[in-house]
Amino acid sequence: MVRLRVALIVLLVLALILAAVWLLQRRLIYFPDRATPPLAPGAEPVTLHTSDDLQLGAWLFRPLSGTPNRRTAVLVAPGNAGNRLGRTPLAAALAAEGFTVLLLDYRGYGGNPGSPSEEGLARDADAARAFLADRFGPHLIYFGESLGAAVVTGLATRHPPQALVLRSPFTDLASAGREHYPYLPVRIMLRDNFPVVRPIRTITVPTLIIYGTADTIVPPEQSRTVADNAAGPVRVLPVEGAGHNDDYSALVADLTRQIPQ
């Protein structure tokens, strides 16, 4: 009887833990800096309009003076933390190579209204793409980092770009989550899935995949698996000794410049 009572208590505690994780899981996925960032040098504030009537602040960077304008725009979809201010080195490096750059901040990030979710981020990416397409037509490159790699991969299935650049992509969110929460039934519990391998099997545009060999957030083998499943021409660049949050700005800008226009 005592053992039964102990077992029931243990089961109750486990159920409560799982319920808490279920209810709070998005706090374990998204880590937004909600503050509106000060305008970065060279940035033009723009407003994106989503299909569910949100207005999102974003920044546009134009090619630097004296730099040949490639007449191609890069949509930058960030990872799950911070806000657009932290992506300004990347935008500056790309602008120095002659690209126009749109730094997207998702809903709930960087002073934007709303709360992040997989569906919401897809709407945000669609709004960013529509903003650029109105001005640059089909001359678009999607760049996604980590969680943003899943966002732009999904976007590419709906609106194929000229090229796709993925930094530290995971195979899907559940696989990445299982690395950090091995004792939880992550795949069963997740509401936001963010697949990458499945959709990239249908994407035929040139794809560049960059990852750090010392990445402890997204296992390098997951990024390699994404590359192995790409349907189009793919180039893979492992950065020896680099971690998940290292600055790849100059490297990404140089490689993006080599994508045929």
Protein backbone atom coordinates (compact mmCIF):
# COMPACT_ATOMS: atom_id res chain seq x y z
CA MET A 1 0.00 0.00 0.00
CA VAL A 2 2.85 2.36 0.88
CA ARG A 3 4.61 1.53 -2.36
CA LEU A 4 1.45 2.19 -4.32
CA ARG A 5 1.04 5.54 -2.60
CA VAL A 6 4.67 6.48 -3.36
CA ALA A 7 4.22 5.43 -6.99
CA LEU A 8 1.09 7.55 -7.29
CA ILE A 9 2.87 10.56 -5.80
CA VAL A 10 5.77 10.11 -8.22
CA LEU A 11 3.37 9.85 -11.15
CA LEU A 12 1.53 12.96 -9.98
CA VAL A 13 4.77 14.92 -9.69
CA LEU A 14 5.84 13.79 -13.17
CA ALA A 15 2.45 14.74 -14.57
CA LEU A 16 2.71 18.19 -13.00
CA ILE A 17 6.22 18.66 -14.40
CA LEU A 18 5.10 17.64 -17.90
CA ALA A 19 2.07 19.91 -17.67
CA ALA A 20 4.28 22.83 -16.65
CA VAL A 21 6.66 22.15 -19.52
CA TRP A 22 3.72 21.94 -21.94
CA LEU A 23 2.30 25.24 -20.79
CA LEU A 24 5.62 27.09 -20.58
CA GLN A 25 7.45 25.45 -23.48
CA ARG A 26 7.59 28.59 -25.61
CA ARG A 27 9.54 30.28 -22.84
CA LEU A 28 12.12 27.54 -23.36
CA ILE A 29 12.20 28.15 -27.13
CA TYR A 30 12.05 31.91 -27.59
CA PHE A 31 14.28 34.37 -25.74
CA PRO A 32 13.36 37.76 -27.14
CA ASP A 33 14.89 41.06 -26.18
CA ARG A 34 11.59 42.92 -26.18
CA ALA A 35 13.07 46.42 -25.91
CA THR A 36 12.92 48.69 -28.96
CA PRO A 37 16.57 49.03 -29.98
CA PRO A 38 18.18 52.40 -30.76
CA LEU A 39 18.53 52.96 -34.48
CA ALA A 40 21.83 51.54 -35.70
CA PRO A 41 24.14 53.61 -37.95
CA GLY A 42 23.15 53.16 -41.58
CA ALA A 43 19.78 51.62 -40.77
CA GLU A 44 16.48 52.87 -42.16
CA PRO A 45 13.44 52.04 -40.02
CA VAL A 46 10.70 50.30 -41.97
CA THR A 47 7.36 48.75 -41.04
CA LEU A 48 6.22 45.30 -42.13
CA HIS A 49 2.53 44.40 -42.27
CA THR A 50 1.62 40.81 -41.46
CA SER A 51 -1.41 38.88 -42.67
CA ASP A 52 -2.85 38.92 -39.15
CA ASP A 53 -2.64 42.71 -38.94
CA LEU A 54 0.51 43.22 -36.91
CA GLN A 55 2.92 46.03 -37.68
CA LEU A 56 6.52 44.98 -37.15
CA GLY A 57 9.52 47.24 -36.91
CA ALA A 58 12.51 46.24 -39.06
CA TRP A 59 15.67 47.85 -40.42
CA LEU A 60 16.76 48.26 -44.02
CA PHE A 61 20.42 48.72 -44.95
CA ARG A 62 21.38 49.87 -48.44
CA PRO A 63 24.70 49.24 -50.22
CA LEU A 64 27.45 51.46 -48.91
CA SER A 65 28.37 54.57 -50.86
CA GLY A 66 30.95 53.76 -53.51
CA THR A 67 29.99 50.09 -53.53
CA PRO A 68 28.53 48.60 -56.72
CA ASN A 69 24.85 47.93 -56.10
CA ARG A 70 24.12 44.27 -56.76
CA ARG A 71 20.40 45.03 -56.95
CA THR A 72 19.82 42.00 -54.79
CA ALA A 73 18.28 42.03 -51.32
CA VAL A 74 19.07 39.72 -48.42
CA LEU A 75 16.31 38.90 -45.94
CA VAL A 76 17.91 38.09 -42.58
CA ALA A 77 15.81 35.90 -40.26
CA PRO A 78 17.46 35.74 -36.84
CA GLY A 79 17.72 33.01 -34.27
CA ASN A 80 15.59 32.71 -31.16
CA ALA A 81 17.28 35.34 -28.96
CA GLY A 82 18.02 39.06 -28.83
CA ASN A 83 16.76 41.56 -31.39
CA ARG A 84 17.85 43.19 -34.63
CA LEU A 85 20.52 45.34 -33.00
CA GLY A 86 22.68 42.26 -32.53
CA ARG A 87 22.55 41.50 -36.28
CA THR A 88 23.89 44.88 -37.44
CA PRO A 89 27.48 43.57 -38.00
CA LEU A 90 26.06 41.07 -40.49
CA ALA A 91 23.96 43.74 -42.20
CA ALA A 92 26.97 46.08 -42.43
CA ALA A 93 29.15 43.34 -43.91
CA LEU A 94 26.53 42.47 -46.52
CA ALA A 95 25.92 46.13 -47.37
CA ALA A 96 29.67 46.53 -47.91
CA GLU A 97 29.41 43.80 -50.55
CA GLY A 98 26.69 45.70 -52.44
CA PHE A 99 23.58 44.03 -51.04
CA THR A 100 20.46 45.64 -49.64
CA VAL A 101 19.68 44.00 -46.31
CA LEU A 102 16.45 43.69 -44.34
CA LEU A 103 16.89 42.79 -40.67
CA LEU A 104 13.68 41.15 -39.55
CA ASP A 105 12.56 41.16 -35.93
CA TYR A 106 9.81 38.68 -35.18
CA ARG A 107 6.64 39.43 -33.25
CA GLY A 108 7.47 39.91 -29.58
CA TYR A 109 11.05 40.93 -30.39
CA GLY A 110 12.62 44.38 -30.57
CA GLY A 111 9.55 46.34 -29.50
CA ASN A 112 7.19 44.46 -31.82
CA PRO A 113 3.69 43.44 -30.71
CA GLY A 114 2.52 39.85 -30.37
CA SER A 115 4.05 36.64 -29.08
CA PRO A 116 6.28 34.29 -31.08
CA SER A 117 5.07 30.95 -32.41
CA GLU A 118 5.85 28.84 -35.46
CA GLU A 119 2.82 30.09 -37.33
CA GLY A 120 3.48 33.67 -36.26
CA LEU A 121 7.11 33.63 -37.40
CA ALA A 122 6.01 32.25 -40.77
CA ARG A 123 3.64 35.20 -41.14
CA ASP A 124 6.44 37.58 -40.17
CA ALA A 125 8.77 36.11 -42.79
CA ASP A 126 6.03 36.35 -45.42
CA ALA A 127 5.60 40.04 -44.57
CA ALA A 128 9.34 40.66 -44.84
CA ARG A 129 9.53 38.87 -48.18
CA ALA A 130 6.54 40.83 -49.53
CA PHE A 131 8.20 44.10 -48.51
CA LEU A 132 11.37 43.22 -50.42
CA ALA A 133 9.60 41.65 -53.42
CA ASP A 134 7.69 44.89 -54.02
CA ARG A 135 11.03 46.68 -54.37
CA PHE A 136 13.46 44.09 -55.74
CA GLY A 137 11.29 41.57 -57.55
CA PRO A 138 12.78 38.08 -57.63
CA HIS A 139 16.31 39.17 -56.72
CA LEU A 140 16.17 37.91 -53.14
CA ILE A 141 18.44 35.82 -50.95
CA TYR A 142 17.14 34.36 -47.71
CA PHE A 143 19.59 34.10 -44.82
CA GLY A 144 18.51 32.29 -41.65
CA GLU A 145 20.48 31.61 -38.52
CA SER A 146 19.62 28.66 -36.26
CA LEU A 147 15.84 28.92 -35.67
CA GLY A 148 15.76 31.44 -38.52
CA ALA A 149 17.14 28.76 -40.82
CA ALA A 150 13.89 26.86 -40.29
CA VAL A 151 11.88 30.04 -40.84
CA VAL A 152 13.48 30.84 -44.22
CA THR A 153 13.44 27.21 -45.34
CA GLY A 154 9.69 27.21 -44.84
CA LEU A 155 9.48 30.57 -46.62
CA ALA A 156 11.44 29.15 -49.56
CA THR A 157 8.82 26.44 -50.06
CA ARG A 158 6.15 29.13 -50.43
CA HIS A 159 8.20 31.74 -52.31
CA PRO A 160 11.45 30.39 -53.79
CA PRO A 161 14.35 32.84 -53.52
CA GLN A 162 17.36 33.28 -55.75
CA ALA A 163 19.48 31.49 -53.15
CA LEU A 164 19.29 30.23 -49.58
CA VAL A 165 21.91 30.66 -46.85
CA LEU A 166 21.49 28.62 -43.66
CA ARG A 167 23.72 29.12 -40.66
CA SER A 168 23.72 26.33 -38.05
CA PRO A 169 20.46 24.71 -39.18
CA PHE A 170 18.94 21.89 -37.14
CA THR A 171 17.01 19.02 -38.73
CA ASP A 172 13.88 20.01 -36.80
CA LEU A 173 13.24 21.65 -33.46
CA ALA A 174 12.42 18.39 -31.69
CA SER A 175 15.79 16.92 -32.65
CA ALA A 176 17.59 19.99 -31.38
CA GLY A 177 15.51 20.03 -28.21
CA ARG A 178 16.18 16.39 -27.47
CA GLU A 179 19.90 17.23 -27.22
CA HIS A 180 19.19 19.57 -24.29
CA TYR A 181 16.22 17.80 -22.69
CA PRO A 182 17.00 14.11 -23.23
CA TYR A 183 14.64 12.91 -20.50
CA LEU A 184 11.55 14.65 -21.82
CA PRO A 185 9.25 13.39 -24.61
CA VAL A 186 10.15 16.48 -26.64
CA ARG A 187 8.75 15.39 -29.98
CA ILE A 188 5.36 14.49 -28.52
CA MET A 189 5.06 17.66 -26.48
CA LEU A 190 6.19 20.33 -28.93
CA ARG A 191 3.62 22.68 -30.38
CA ASP A 192 6.16 24.35 -32.68
CA ASN A 193 8.02 21.92 -34.93
CA PHE A 194 10.13 24.05 -37.31
CA PRO A 195 11.15 21.27 -39.74
CA VAL A 196 14.14 21.85 -42.02
CA VAL A 197 15.08 18.47 -43.52
CA ARG A 198 11.59 17.72 -44.83
CA PRO A 199 11.04 21.01 -46.70
CA ILE A 200 14.60 21.33 -47.97
CA ARG A 201 14.07 18.12 -49.94
CA THR A 202 11.76 20.13 -52.19
CA ILE A 203 13.90 23.27 -52.56
CA THR A 204 16.05 23.38 -55.69
CA VAL A 205 17.70 26.81 -55.43
CA PRO A 206 21.43 27.09 -54.66
CA THR A 207 21.95 26.62 -50.93
CA LEU A 208 24.90 27.51 -48.72
CA ILE A 209 25.13 25.84 -45.30
CA ILE A 210 27.57 27.11 -42.67
CA TYR A 211 28.11 25.63 -39.23
CA GLY A 212 30.70 25.62 -36.47
CA THR A 213 32.42 22.36 -35.68
CA ALA A 214 32.33 23.23 -31.96
CA ASP A 215 28.65 24.17 -31.87
CA THR A 216 27.14 22.94 -28.60
CA ILE A 217 23.63 24.29 -29.27
CA VAL A 218 22.90 22.70 -32.64
CA PRO A 219 24.97 19.54 -33.15
CA PRO A 220 27.11 19.84 -36.31
CA GLU A 221 25.82 16.49 -37.56
CA GLN A 222 22.33 17.98 -37.80
CA SER A 223 23.58 20.75 -40.08
CA ARG A 224 25.34 18.15 -42.22
CA THR A 225 22.13 16.14 -42.42
CA VAL A 226 20.32 19.23 -43.70
CA ALA A 227 22.98 19.60 -46.39
CA ASP A 228 22.71 15.94 -47.36
CA ASN A 229 18.98 16.35 -47.96
CA ALA A 230 19.08 19.55 -50.04
CA ALA A 231 17.43 19.01 -53.43
CA GLY A 232 19.37 21.77 -55.19
CA PRO A 233 23.07 22.53 -55.56
CA VAL A 234 24.53 22.85 -52.08
CA ARG A 235 27.79 24.16 -50.69
CA VAL A 236 28.80 23.26 -47.14
CA LEU A 237 31.29 25.22 -45.07
CA PRO A 238 32.29 23.89 -41.65
CA VAL A 239 34.05 26.55 -39.58
CA GLU A 240 36.68 24.78 -37.52
CA GLY A 241 36.48 25.44 -33.79
CA ALA A 242 33.56 27.86 -34.10
CA GLY A 243 30.63 27.79 -31.71
CA HIS A 244 26.97 28.61 -32.17
CA ASN A 245 27.18 32.29 -31.31
CA ASP A 246 30.49 33.20 -32.93
CA ASP A 247 30.49 36.11 -35.38
CA TYR A 248 30.42 34.80 -38.96
CA SER A 249 29.48 38.17 -40.51
CA ALA A 250 32.46 38.71 -42.79
CA LEU A 251 32.51 35.05 -43.83
CA VAL A 252 28.82 35.00 -44.72
CA ALA A 253 29.11 38.27 -46.64
CA ASP A 254 32.06 37.03 -48.69
CA LEU A 255 30.38 33.72 -49.55
CA THR A 256 27.05 35.38 -50.34
CA ARG A 257 28.88 37.61 -52.80
CA GLN A 258 29.96 34.48 -54.68
CA ILE A 259 26.40 33.32 -55.30
CA PRO A 260 25.63 33.83 -59.01
CA GLN A 261 23.41 36.83 -59.63
